[in-house]
Amino acid sequence: MKLYIRNRHHIPVATGNYDKATNKMTVLAGSRVSKELYYGPSFRGDKKIKRLREAYTVDGVMKDDLVFTSPTVAANFVIGYSCNGHLMWRDAEGRSLKELLTERTR
C-alpha cells in the first residue's frame, strides 16, 4: 500500500510502501528526510538512524529504497524525531495508516 509523509504544506516529502503481512515499511528512493535529528530520551535508535541516513541519503534525499521493521521506525527516520508512524504515514486521500488498518479489519 503506497503511503506518504507530507510537510506542513501538505506536500509529500517521503513515499513508502507498507506491507500489511509483515508490518514492514519501505521508504522509497527519492524521498526527502529532515535536515536535523532531534535527540531526546524518547527517541530510541537515533544512532542507528544517523548511520542509515549517512549510508542511504545524499543531501537529504534517499538514493535507494530502504526497508524498516515498522512504519514507526520508518517515520522516525524520515522526520528525525520520535513519532507514531501509524499516524504520520497517510494515503493519497489523507487517511492515516491507523485508519486504513482499522477500516480493513471491519
C-alpha atoms as a PDB file:
ATOM      1  CA  MET A   1       0.000   0.000   0.000  1.00  0.00           C
ATOM      2  CA  LYS A   2       1.526   3.330  -1.066  1.00  0.00           C
ATOM      3  CA  LEU A   3       1.677   5.937   1.705  1.00  0.00           C
ATOM      4  CA  TYR A   4       3.179   9.377   2.190  1.00  0.00           C
ATOM      5  CA  ILE A   5       4.581  11.693   4.827  1.00  0.00           C
ATOM      6  CA  ARG A   6       3.716  15.284   3.987  1.00  0.00           C
ATOM      7  CA  ASN A   7       5.204  18.573   5.133  1.00  0.00           C
ATOM      8  CA  ARG A   8       3.178  21.283   6.842  1.00  0.00           C
ATOM      9  CA  HIS A   9       2.041  22.497   3.399  1.00  0.00           C
ATOM     10  CA  HIS A  10       0.626  19.006   2.722  1.00  0.00           C
ATOM     11  CA  ILE A  11       3.217  18.308   0.028  1.00  0.00           C
ATOM     12  CA  PRO A  12       4.551  14.732   0.102  1.00  0.00           C
ATOM     13  CA  VAL A  13       8.194  14.615   1.115  1.00  0.00           C
ATOM     14  CA  ALA A  14       8.522  10.863   1.582  1.00  0.00           C
ATOM     15  CA  THR A  15       6.865   7.939  -0.148  1.00  0.00           C
ATOM     16  CA  GLY A  16       6.657   4.463   1.302  1.00  0.00           C
ATOM     17  CA  ASN A  17       5.190   1.063   0.594  1.00  0.00           C
ATOM     18  CA  TYR A  18       3.572  -0.668   3.563  1.00  0.00           C
ATOM     19  CA  ASP A  19       3.336  -4.471   3.673  1.00  0.00           C
ATOM     20  CA  LYS A  20       0.490  -5.437   5.988  1.00  0.00           C
ATOM     21  CA  ALA A  21       1.535  -9.100   6.117  1.00  0.00           C
ATOM     22  CA  THR A  22       4.963  -8.283   7.576  1.00  0.00           C
ATOM     23  CA  ASN A  23       4.236  -4.811   9.063  1.00  0.00           C
ATOM     24  CA  LYS A  24       7.317  -3.558   7.191  1.00  0.00           C
ATOM     25  CA  MET A  25       7.592  -0.156   5.566  1.00  0.00           C
ATOM     26  CA  THR A  26       9.892   0.580   2.638  1.00  0.00           C
ATOM     27  CA  VAL A  27      10.921   4.211   2.251  1.00  0.00           C
ATOM     28  CA  LEU A  28      11.407   4.744  -1.470  1.00  0.00           C
ATOM     29  CA  ALA A  29      14.348   6.286  -3.282  1.00  0.00           C
ATOM     30  CA  GLY A  30      13.768   9.979  -3.965  1.00  0.00           C
ATOM     31  CA  SER A  31      12.084  10.562  -0.603  1.00  0.00           C
ATOM     32  CA  ARG A  32      13.314  13.523   1.419  1.00  0.00           C
ATOM     33  CA  VAL A  33      14.353  13.305   5.055  1.00  0.00           C
ATOM     34  CA  SER A  34      14.526  16.142   7.583  1.00  0.00           C
ATOM     35  CA  LYS A  35      17.788  18.042   7.812  1.00  0.00           C
ATOM     36  CA  GLU A  36      18.150  17.512  11.553  1.00  0.00           C
ATOM     37  CA  LEU A  37      17.896  14.694  14.062  1.00  0.00           C
ATOM     38  CA  TYR A  38      16.309  15.770  17.328  1.00  0.00           C
ATOM     39  CA  TYR A  39      17.813  13.781  20.160  1.00  0.00           C
ATOM     40  CA  GLY A  40      15.839  13.067  23.294  1.00  0.00           C
ATOM     41  CA  PRO A  41      15.058  10.356  25.813  1.00  0.00           C
ATOM     42  CA  SER A  42      12.062   9.110  23.827  1.00  0.00           C
ATOM     43  CA  PHE A  43      13.982   8.816  20.553  1.00  0.00           C
ATOM     44  CA  ARG A  44      15.408   5.329  20.705  1.00  0.00           C
ATOM     45  CA  GLY A  45      17.580   4.187  17.837  1.00  0.00           C
ATOM     46  CA  ASP A  46      18.786   7.648  16.917  1.00  0.00           C
ATOM     47  CA  LYS A  47      22.386   6.441  16.438  1.00  0.00           C
ATOM     48  CA  LYS A  48      21.214   3.738  14.052  1.00  0.00           C
ATOM     49  CA  ILE A  49      19.070   6.250  12.159  1.00  0.00           C
ATOM     50  CA  LYS A  50      22.058   8.579  11.844  1.00  0.00           C
ATOM     51  CA  ARG A  51      24.159   5.742  10.381  1.00  0.00           C
ATOM     52  CA  LEU A  52      21.375   4.782   7.966  1.00  0.00           C
ATOM     53  CA  ARG A  53      20.970   8.391   6.841  1.00  0.00           C
ATOM     54  CA  GLU A  54      24.699   8.619   6.160  1.00  0.00           C
ATOM     55  CA  ALA A  55      24.561   5.421   4.096  1.00  0.00           C
ATOM     56  CA  TYR A  56      21.264   5.959   2.220  1.00  0.00           C
ATOM     57  CA  THR A  57      20.887   9.701   1.647  1.00  0.00           C
ATOM     58  CA  VAL A  58      22.663  12.395  -0.321  1.00  0.00           C
ATOM     59  CA  ASP A  59      21.772  15.989   0.573  1.00  0.00           C
ATOM     60  CA  GLY A  60      18.671  14.761   2.415  1.00  0.00           C
ATOM     61  CA  VAL A  61      17.313  12.644  -0.457  1.00  0.00           C
ATOM     62  CA  MET A  62      17.089   8.846  -0.404  1.00  0.00           C
ATOM     63  CA  LYS A  63      19.347   7.321  -3.051  1.00  0.00           C
ATOM     64  CA  ASP A  64      17.968   3.765  -2.624  1.00  0.00           C
ATOM     65  CA  ASP A  65      14.885   2.086  -1.178  1.00  0.00           C
ATOM     66  CA  LEU A  66      15.242   1.133   2.484  1.00  0.00           C
ATOM     67  CA  VAL A  67      13.095  -1.413   4.353  1.00  0.00           C
ATOM     68  CA  PHE A  68      12.208  -0.783   8.017  1.00  0.00           C
ATOM     69  CA  THR A  69      10.767  -3.217  10.557  1.00  0.00           C
ATOM     70  CA  SER A  70       7.779  -0.961  11.238  1.00  0.00           C
ATOM     71  CA  PRO A  71       6.061   2.185   9.972  1.00  0.00           C
ATOM     72  CA  THR A  72       7.119   3.992  13.152  1.00  0.00           C
ATOM     73  CA  VAL A  73      10.831   3.334  12.668  1.00  0.00           C
ATOM     74  CA  ALA A  74      10.468   4.472   9.035  1.00  0.00           C
ATOM     75  CA  ALA A  75       8.687   7.673  10.103  1.00  0.00           C
ATOM     76  CA  ASN A  76      11.343   8.369  12.756  1.00  0.00           C
ATOM     77  CA  PHE A  77      13.989   8.003  10.037  1.00  0.00           C
ATOM     78  CA  VAL A  78      12.194  10.452   7.724  1.00  0.00           C
ATOM     79  CA  ILE A  79      11.113  13.034  10.298  1.00  0.00           C
ATOM     80  CA  GLY A  80      14.150  12.898  12.576  1.00  0.00           C
ATOM     81  CA  TYR A  81      12.353  12.572  15.903  1.00  0.00           C
ATOM     82  CA  SER A  82      10.159  10.137  17.774  1.00  0.00           C
ATOM     83  CA  CYS A  83       6.659   9.895  16.329  1.00  0.00           C
ATOM     84  CA  ASN A  84       3.860   7.402  15.698  1.00  0.00           C
ATOM     85  CA  GLY A  85       4.259   6.035  12.194  1.00  0.00           C
ATOM     86  CA  HIS A  86       0.680   4.758  12.148  1.00  0.00           C
ATOM     87  CA  LEU A  87      -0.428   8.394  12.347  1.00  0.00           C
ATOM     88  CA  MET A  88       2.293  10.027  10.210  1.00  0.00           C
ATOM     89  CA  TRP A  89       2.030   7.799   7.123  1.00  0.00           C
ATOM     90  CA  ARG A  90      -1.071   8.687   5.073  1.00  0.00           C
ATOM     91  CA  ASP A  91      -2.612   7.632   1.772  1.00  0.00           C
ATOM     92  CA  ALA A  92      -3.308   9.962  -1.176  1.00  0.00           C
ATOM     93  CA  GLU A  93      -6.664  10.944   0.382  1.00  0.00           C
ATOM     94  CA  GLY A  94      -5.044  11.864   3.711  1.00  0.00           C
ATOM     95  CA  ARG A  95      -6.206   8.853   5.736  1.00  0.00           C
ATOM     96  CA  SER A  96      -3.649   7.642   8.288  1.00  0.00           C
ATOM     97  CA  LEU A  97      -2.269   4.121   8.229  1.00  0.00           C
ATOM     98  CA  LYS A  98      -4.095   3.552  11.527  1.00  0.00           C
ATOM     99  CA  GLU A  99      -7.418   4.490   9.900  1.00  0.00           C
ATOM    100  CA  LEU A 100      -6.709   2.298   6.878  1.00  0.00           C
ATOM    101  CA  LEU A 101      -5.861  -0.725   9.003  1.00  0.00           C
ATOM    102  CA  THR A 102      -8.961  -0.208  11.142  1.00  0.00           C
ATOM    103  CA  GLU A 103     -11.171   0.013   8.014  1.00  0.00           C
ATOM    104  CA  ARG A 104      -9.754  -3.212   6.604  1.00  0.00           C
ATOM    105  CA  THR A 105     -10.404  -5.196   9.762  1.00  0.00           C
ATOM    106  CA  ARG A 106     -14.095  -4.305   9.918  1.00  0.00           C
END
